[in-house]
């Protein structure tokens, strides 16, 4: 019984990686196929781009790749730093309201993973 419990133990960075990874993969696929409707604040802000749909597709693919990196434990320090800034800029661009409150939690989770990855030798960079 103790061996089974020991195998199920998760470190805080694993929980953060799992949560962020799943959310980013889901968000990436959802945004890729909904045509940017969920990114209305970004679409408005980046309206000067000639092909906003292409920007949304590229951004979606980046989120999927970042989520996979979190799940696989690859480039954690780099990806968590970039994702932190992505959510922070999203809050600045889109403003903090009822539809963006979850981004604050995701942003701070990415920041926590960034800090943990510096102190924890078990995390890969």
C-alpha atoms as a PDB file:
ATOM      1  CA  UNK A   1       0.000   0.000   0.000  1.00  0.00           C
ATOM      2  CA  UNK A   2       2.802   2.453   0.854  1.00  0.00           C
ATOM      3  CA  UNK A   3       4.429   1.810  -2.518  1.00  0.00           C
ATOM      4  CA  UNK A   4       1.226   2.634  -4.332  1.00  0.00           C
ATOM      5  CA  UNK A   5       0.789   5.868  -2.378  1.00  0.00           C
ATOM      6  CA  UNK A   6       4.443   6.749  -3.018  1.00  0.00           C
ATOM      7  CA  UNK A   7       3.927   6.257  -6.767  1.00  0.00           C
ATOM      8  CA  UNK A   8       0.920   8.589  -6.723  1.00  0.00           C
ATOM      9  CA  UNK A   9       2.773  11.455  -5.024  1.00  0.00           C
ATOM     10  CA  UNK A  10       3.016  14.521  -7.191  1.00  0.00           C
ATOM     11  CA  UNK A  11       5.310  17.455  -6.732  1.00  0.00           C
ATOM     12  CA  UNK A  12       3.850  20.973  -7.027  1.00  0.00           C
ATOM     13  CA  UNK A  13       5.582  21.548 -10.366  1.00  0.00           C
ATOM     14  CA  UNK A  14       3.909  18.441 -11.803  1.00  0.00           C
ATOM     15  CA  UNK A  15       0.477  19.754 -10.825  1.00  0.00           C
ATOM     16  CA  UNK A  16       1.257  23.165 -12.351  1.00  0.00           C
ATOM     17  CA  UNK A  17       2.590  21.528 -15.521  1.00  0.00           C
ATOM     18  CA  UNK A  18      -0.489  19.340 -15.856  1.00  0.00           C
ATOM     19  CA  UNK A  19      -2.927  22.206 -15.279  1.00  0.00           C
ATOM     20  CA  UNK A  20      -1.210  24.695 -17.556  1.00  0.00           C
ATOM     21  CA  UNK A  21      -0.525  22.084 -20.210  1.00  0.00           C
ATOM     22  CA  UNK A  22      -4.119  20.891 -20.443  1.00  0.00           C
ATOM     23  CA  UNK A  23      -5.538  24.421 -20.425  1.00  0.00           C
ATOM     24  CA  UNK A  24      -3.159  25.625 -23.147  1.00  0.00           C
ATOM     25  CA  UNK A  25      -3.763  22.616 -25.402  1.00  0.00           C
ATOM     26  CA  UNK A  26      -7.529  23.030 -24.999  1.00  0.00           C
ATOM     27  CA  UNK A  27      -7.386  26.813 -25.535  1.00  0.00           C
ATOM     28  CA  UNK A  28      -5.163  26.376 -28.580  1.00  0.00           C
ATOM     29  CA  UNK A  29      -7.480  23.874 -30.287  1.00  0.00           C
ATOM     30  CA  UNK A  30     -10.597  25.819 -29.335  1.00  0.00           C
ATOM     31  CA  UNK A  31      -9.210  29.095 -30.671  1.00  0.00           C
ATOM     32  CA  UNK A  32      -7.868  27.444 -33.823  1.00  0.00           C
ATOM     33  CA  UNK A  33     -11.310  26.134 -34.757  1.00  0.00           C
ATOM     34  CA  UNK A  34     -13.558  28.966 -33.530  1.00  0.00           C
ATOM     35  CA  UNK A  35     -12.002  31.511 -35.875  1.00  0.00           C
ATOM     36  CA  UNK A  36     -10.801  33.868 -33.172  1.00  0.00           C
ATOM     37  CA  UNK A  37     -14.175  34.579 -31.587  1.00  0.00           C
ATOM     38  CA  UNK A  38     -12.699  33.846 -28.154  1.00  0.00           C
ATOM     39  CA  UNK A  39      -9.848  36.263 -28.864  1.00  0.00           C
ATOM     40  CA  UNK A  40     -11.949  39.335 -29.583  1.00  0.00           C
ATOM     41  CA  UNK A  41      -9.696  41.603 -27.464  1.00  0.00           C
ATOM     42  CA  UNK A  42      -6.592  40.436 -29.304  1.00  0.00           C
ATOM     43  CA  UNK A  43      -8.322  40.690 -32.669  1.00  0.00           C
ATOM     44  CA  UNK A  44      -9.298  44.289 -31.952  1.00  0.00           C
ATOM     45  CA  UNK A  45      -5.834  45.193 -30.677  1.00  0.00           C
ATOM     46  CA  UNK A  46      -4.053  43.558 -33.646  1.00  0.00           C
ATOM     47  CA  UNK A  47      -6.536  44.788 -36.251  1.00  0.00           C
ATOM     48  CA  UNK A  48      -3.699  46.602 -38.038  1.00  0.00           C
ATOM     49  CA  UNK A  49      -2.346  43.233 -39.219  1.00  0.00           C
ATOM     50  CA  UNK A  50      -3.241  42.428 -42.826  1.00  0.00           C
ATOM     51  CA  UNK A  51      -4.408  38.872 -42.042  1.00  0.00           C
ATOM     52  CA  UNK A  52      -5.736  38.624 -38.490  1.00  0.00           C
ATOM     53  CA  UNK A  53      -7.070  35.098 -39.064  1.00  0.00           C
ATOM     54  CA  UNK A  54      -3.537  33.914 -39.812  1.00  0.00           C
ATOM     55  CA  UNK A  55      -2.281  35.573 -36.606  1.00  0.00           C
ATOM     56  CA  UNK A  56      -4.971  33.782 -34.592  1.00  0.00           C
ATOM     57  CA  UNK A  57      -4.024  30.426 -36.164  1.00  0.00           C
ATOM     58  CA  UNK A  58      -0.314  30.955 -35.406  1.00  0.00           C
ATOM     59  CA  UNK A  59      -1.112  32.024 -31.851  1.00  0.00           C
ATOM     60  CA  UNK A  60      -3.300  28.932 -31.410  1.00  0.00           C
ATOM     61  CA  UNK A  61      -0.545  26.630 -32.651  1.00  0.00           C
ATOM     62  CA  UNK A  62       1.897  28.305 -30.242  1.00  0.00           C
ATOM     63  CA  UNK A  63      -0.477  27.625 -27.352  1.00  0.00           C
ATOM     64  CA  UNK A  64      -0.796  23.978 -28.350  1.00  0.00           C
ATOM     65  CA  UNK A  65       2.987  23.604 -28.572  1.00  0.00           C
ATOM     66  CA  UNK A  66       3.462  25.362 -25.216  1.00  0.00           C
ATOM     67  CA  UNK A  67       0.872  23.068 -23.625  1.00  0.00           C
ATOM     68  CA  UNK A  68       2.594  19.990 -24.996  1.00  0.00           C
ATOM     69  CA  UNK A  69       5.932  21.284 -23.678  1.00  0.00           C
ATOM     70  CA  UNK A  70       4.412  21.678 -20.206  1.00  0.00           C
ATOM     71  CA  UNK A  71       2.924  18.182 -20.312  1.00  0.00           C
ATOM     72  CA  UNK A  72       6.188  16.661 -21.548  1.00  0.00           C
ATOM     73  CA  UNK A  73       8.389  18.695 -19.196  1.00  0.00           C
ATOM     74  CA  UNK A  74      10.330  20.355 -22.009  1.00  0.00           C
ATOM     75  CA  UNK A  75      11.766  23.879 -21.903  1.00  0.00           C
ATOM     76  CA  UNK A  76       9.813  24.598 -18.723  1.00  0.00           C
ATOM     77  CA  UNK A  77      11.683  27.708 -17.672  1.00  0.00           C
ATOM     78  CA  UNK A  78      11.504  29.307 -21.105  1.00  0.00           C
ATOM     79  CA  UNK A  79       7.902  28.362 -21.859  1.00  0.00           C
ATOM     80  CA  UNK A  80       6.623  29.375 -18.415  1.00  0.00           C
ATOM     81  CA  UNK A  81       8.313  32.789 -18.795  1.00  0.00           C
ATOM     82  CA  UNK A  82       6.735  33.340 -22.228  1.00  0.00           C
ATOM     83  CA  UNK A  83       3.299  32.143 -21.088  1.00  0.00           C
ATOM     84  CA  UNK A  84       3.454  34.438 -18.048  1.00  0.00           C
ATOM     85  CA  UNK A  85       3.989  37.417 -20.355  1.00  0.00           C
ATOM     86  CA  UNK A  86       1.322  36.195 -22.771  1.00  0.00           C
ATOM     87  CA  UNK A  87      -1.313  36.188 -20.025  1.00  0.00           C
ATOM     88  CA  UNK A  88      -0.099  39.477 -18.561  1.00  0.00           C
ATOM     89  CA  UNK A  89      -0.303  41.175 -21.958  1.00  0.00           C
ATOM     90  CA  UNK A  90      -3.713  39.572 -22.478  1.00  0.00           C
ATOM     91  CA  UNK A  91      -4.930  41.151 -19.253  1.00  0.00           C
ATOM     92  CA  UNK A  92      -3.473  44.511 -20.253  1.00  0.00           C
ATOM     93  CA  UNK A  93      -4.855  44.377 -23.802  1.00  0.00           C
ATOM     94  CA  UNK A  94      -8.222  42.828 -22.992  1.00  0.00           C
ATOM     95  CA  UNK A  95      -8.676  44.362 -19.582  1.00  0.00           C
ATOM     96  CA  UNK A  96      -9.634  42.551 -16.419  1.00  0.00           C
ATOM     97  CA  UNK A  97     -13.281  41.550 -16.477  1.00  0.00           C
ATOM     98  CA  UNK A  98     -15.468  38.522 -15.885  1.00  0.00           C
ATOM     99  CA  UNK A  99     -14.161  36.759 -19.019  1.00  0.00           C
ATOM    100  CA  UNK A 100     -10.468  37.288 -18.221  1.00  0.00           C
ATOM    101  CA  UNK A 101     -10.352  36.662 -14.464  1.00  0.00           C
ATOM    102  CA  UNK A 102      -9.104  33.102 -15.047  1.00  0.00           C
ATOM    103  CA  UNK A 103      -6.094  34.486 -16.911  1.00  0.00           C
ATOM    104  CA  UNK A 104      -4.777  35.958 -13.679  1.00  0.00           C
ATOM    105  CA  UNK A 105      -4.669  32.477 -12.129  1.00  0.00           C
ATOM    106  CA  UNK A 106      -3.017  31.012 -15.213  1.00  0.00           C
ATOM    107  CA  UNK A 107      -0.517  33.869 -15.287  1.00  0.00           C
ATOM    108  CA  UNK A 108       0.469  33.360 -11.658  1.00  0.00           C
ATOM    109  CA  UNK A 109       0.666  29.585 -12.203  1.00  0.00           C
ATOM    110  CA  UNK A 110       3.127  30.155 -15.045  1.00  0.00           C
ATOM    111  CA  UNK A 111       5.108  32.508 -12.816  1.00  0.00           C
ATOM    112  CA  UNK A 112       5.152  29.916 -10.006  1.00  0.00           C
ATOM    113  CA  UNK A 113       6.397  27.259 -12.431  1.00  0.00           C
ATOM    114  CA  UNK A 114       9.088  29.651 -13.652  1.00  0.00           C
ATOM    115  CA  UNK A 115      10.276  30.239 -10.074  1.00  0.00           C
ATOM    116  CA  UNK A 116      10.099  26.533  -9.190  1.00  0.00           C
ATOM    117  CA  UNK A 117      12.037  25.554 -12.290  1.00  0.00           C
ATOM    118  CA  UNK A 118      14.922  27.750 -11.155  1.00  0.00           C
ATOM    119  CA  UNK A 119      15.083  26.170  -7.707  1.00  0.00           C
ATOM    120  CA  UNK A 120      14.214  22.570  -8.550  1.00  0.00           C
ATOM    121  CA  UNK A 121      16.952  20.579 -10.260  1.00  0.00           C
ATOM    122  CA  UNK A 122      14.427  17.877 -11.226  1.00  0.00           C
ATOM    123  CA  UNK A 123      12.770  20.205 -13.724  1.00  0.00           C
ATOM    124  CA  UNK A 124      14.183  20.332 -17.209  1.00  0.00           C
ATOM    125  CA  UNK A 125      14.840  23.588 -18.984  1.00  0.00           C
END
